Amino acid sequence: MRRKPPKQQWALYKHNLMTTKFGVTGVREYLPAYRGRWTPDSGPIISGIGVAASGLALKTAARVGDLETYDRIARCADPLIATCHAIQSIPLLGIVGKIGSDLLASSVRLTAQVEAIRDRSNSKECVLNLEARFRTTRQRLFKTQEFFKQIKQEAQTQWAY
């Protein structure tokens, strides 16, 4: 079987899995006809839109140069990521915020931004903006690592006999 060129595969992928619900553009985790169960590696699925699938599609859109799709997904993802960062200090909601802004989510988003910037321009301003975002992401990663160390210590203290 001959493989389709990447742009053709991307067009088929978008046709079958990209969706907009309630003004939110994202990517389905499964085809609409799928009747199986959710699996843990899928991550959260909200109204059929997979958070992980959308994050990976964001990077792919940037990589194949589909900046229109990249922008549509990013416009929906950015407020969600910002909300996750904002609620980190709220009891009970904080864990959701930390998960939504964890290393993987931050890495996927940052990588997609790099690809999109590369496609848009090589200007010094873009590079400086990217460097600033990278520093911020690194700081957030450090805070997340400290949070998980604290949880581990608290759990060890609670369960110590």
Protein backbone atom coordinates (compact mmCIF):
# COMPACT_ATOMS: atom_id res chain seq x y z
CA MET A 1 0.00 0.00 0.00
CA ARG A 2 1.41 3.39 -1.00
CA ARG A 3 1.54 6.09 1.66
CA LYS A 4 -0.22 9.36 1.01
CA PRO A 5 1.86 12.56 1.11
CA PRO A 6 1.82 14.30 4.53
CA LYS A 7 -0.39 17.22 3.41
CA GLN A 8 -2.96 14.78 2.01
CA GLN A 9 -2.90 12.73 5.24
CA TRP A 10 -3.31 15.93 7.25
CA ALA A 11 -6.33 16.96 5.13
CA LEU A 12 -7.97 13.56 5.72
CA TYR A 13 -7.20 13.73 9.43
CA LYS A 14 -8.78 17.18 9.73
CA HIS A 15 -11.80 16.14 7.67
CA ASN A 16 -12.49 13.14 9.90
CA LEU A 17 -11.44 14.32 13.35
CA MET A 18 -11.47 18.11 13.61
CA THR A 19 -14.60 19.57 15.13
CA THR A 20 -16.03 22.74 16.63
CA LYS A 21 -18.47 22.53 19.53
CA PHE A 22 -19.84 25.46 21.49
CA GLY A 23 -17.33 27.71 19.72
CA VAL A 24 -14.38 25.54 20.75
CA THR A 25 -12.27 24.08 17.96
CA GLY A 26 -10.45 20.87 18.74
CA VAL A 27 -9.80 17.35 17.61
CA ARG A 28 -11.80 14.25 18.42
CA GLU A 29 -9.94 11.54 20.26
CA TYR A 30 -11.89 8.91 18.29
CA LEU A 31 -13.85 8.78 15.05
CA PRO A 32 -17.56 9.57 15.56
CA ALA A 33 -18.50 5.93 14.82
CA TYR A 34 -16.20 4.58 17.59
CA ARG A 35 -18.28 2.80 20.25
CA GLY A 36 -15.50 1.62 22.55
CA ARG A 37 -14.60 2.94 25.95
CA TRP A 38 -12.33 5.75 27.00
CA THR A 39 -8.75 4.75 27.72
CA PRO A 40 -6.44 6.49 30.22
CA ASP A 41 -3.82 7.39 27.60
CA SER A 42 -6.43 9.52 25.85
CA GLY A 43 -6.46 12.11 28.59
CA PRO A 44 -9.57 14.20 29.23
CA ILE A 45 -12.26 14.16 26.56
CA ILE A 46 -14.74 17.01 26.78
CA SER A 47 -17.83 16.83 24.58
CA GLY A 48 -15.96 14.53 22.21
CA ILE A 49 -12.91 16.81 21.93
CA GLY A 50 -9.73 15.18 23.15
CA VAL A 51 -7.35 17.44 25.05
CA ALA A 52 -4.33 15.31 24.12
CA ALA A 53 -5.46 14.89 20.51
CA SER A 54 -5.95 18.64 20.18
CA GLY A 55 -2.53 19.37 21.65
CA LEU A 56 -0.81 17.00 19.26
CA ALA A 57 -2.83 18.36 16.33
CA LEU A 58 -1.71 21.85 17.31
CA LYS A 59 1.92 20.82 16.88
CA THR A 60 1.20 18.93 13.66
CA ALA A 61 -0.66 21.89 12.15
CA ALA A 62 2.33 24.09 12.85
CA ARG A 63 4.74 21.47 11.48
CA VAL A 64 2.92 21.03 8.16
CA GLY A 65 2.52 24.79 7.81
CA ASP A 66 -1.26 24.86 8.28
CA LEU A 67 -1.21 28.08 10.27
CA GLU A 68 -4.95 28.68 9.86
CA THR A 69 -5.71 25.43 11.72
CA TYR A 70 -2.93 26.14 14.20
CA ASP A 71 -4.48 29.53 15.00
CA ARG A 72 -8.00 28.08 15.35
CA ILE A 73 -6.87 25.46 17.88
CA ALA A 74 -4.50 27.84 19.69
CA ARG A 75 -7.27 30.44 20.15
CA CYS A 76 -9.18 27.80 22.13
CA ALA A 77 -6.20 26.20 23.89
CA ASP A 78 -4.51 29.36 25.15
CA PRO A 79 -7.38 30.52 27.44
CA LEU A 80 -7.67 26.97 28.81
CA ILE A 81 -3.95 26.82 29.59
CA ALA A 82 -4.07 30.31 31.15
CA THR A 83 -7.02 29.22 33.32
CA CYS A 84 -5.08 26.14 34.47
CA HIS A 85 -2.18 28.36 35.50
CA ALA A 86 -4.53 30.77 37.30
CA ILE A 87 -6.32 28.12 39.40
CA GLN A 88 -3.18 26.36 40.63
CA SER A 89 -3.31 28.06 44.02
CA ILE A 90 -7.00 27.33 44.67
CA PRO A 91 -7.57 24.35 46.99
CA LEU A 92 -8.98 21.27 45.22
CA LEU A 93 -8.95 23.03 41.83
CA GLY A 94 -5.19 23.44 42.09
CA ILE A 95 -4.51 19.83 41.13
CA VAL A 96 -6.52 20.29 37.91
CA GLY A 97 -4.58 23.46 37.21
CA LYS A 98 -1.25 21.75 37.74
CA ILE A 99 -2.20 18.82 35.51
CA GLY A 100 -3.46 21.16 32.78
CA SER A 101 -0.24 23.12 32.83
CA ASP A 102 2.18 20.24 33.41
CA LEU A 103 5.42 19.52 31.61
CA LEU A 104 3.83 17.59 28.73
CA ALA A 105 1.15 20.21 28.05
CA SER A 106 3.70 23.02 28.27
CA SER A 107 6.17 21.17 26.05
CA VAL A 108 3.62 20.40 23.35
CA ARG A 109 2.40 24.00 23.34
CA LEU A 110 5.91 25.45 23.26
CA THR A 111 6.99 23.12 20.45
CA ALA A 112 3.94 24.11 18.41
CA GLN A 113 4.75 27.78 18.98
CA VAL A 114 8.30 27.23 17.75
CA GLU A 115 7.03 25.61 14.56
CA ALA A 116 4.49 28.37 13.94
CA ILE A 117 7.04 31.11 14.52
CA ARG A 118 9.45 29.37 12.17
CA ASP A 119 6.80 29.33 9.46
CA ARG A 120 5.77 32.95 10.00
CA SER A 121 9.12 34.64 10.20
CA ASN A 122 12.71 34.45 11.32
CA SER A 123 12.71 37.92 12.81
CA LYS A 124 14.69 38.79 15.92
CA GLU A 125 11.47 39.90 17.65
CA CYS A 126 9.97 36.42 17.25
CA VAL A 127 13.11 34.81 18.65
CA LEU A 128 13.12 37.12 21.68
CA ASN A 129 9.42 36.41 22.28
CA LEU A 130 10.07 32.68 22.09
CA GLU A 131 12.98 32.92 24.52
CA ALA A 132 10.79 34.78 27.03
CA ARG A 133 8.05 32.13 26.72
CA PHE A 134 10.62 29.39 27.18
CA ARG A 135 11.88 31.00 30.41
CA THR A 136 8.31 31.27 31.71
CA THR A 137 7.61 27.63 30.84
CA ARG A 138 10.81 26.54 32.59
CA GLN A 139 9.76 28.47 35.71
CA ARG A 140 6.31 26.83 35.65
CA LEU A 141 7.91 23.41 35.26
CA PHE A 142 10.05 24.03 38.33
CA LYS A 143 6.95 25.06 40.34
CA THR A 144 5.11 21.93 39.18
CA GLN A 145 8.03 19.70 40.17
CA GLU A 146 8.12 21.37 43.61
CA PHE A 147 4.37 20.81 43.97
CA PHE A 148 4.67 17.09 43.26
CA LYS A 149 7.59 16.79 45.71
CA GLN A 150 5.39 18.42 48.35
CA ILE A 151 2.51 16.04 47.64
CA LYS A 152 4.87 13.06 47.88
CA GLN A 153 6.26 14.28 51.21
CA GLU A 154 2.76 14.89 52.60
CA ALA A 155 1.65 11.42 51.48
CA GLN A 156 4.69 9.81 53.06
CA THR A 157 4.03 11.69 56.30
CA GLN A 158 0.34 10.71 56.38
CA TRP A 159 0.96 7.05 55.63
CA ALA A 160 4.01 6.63 57.86
CA TYR A 161 3.39 4.28 60.76
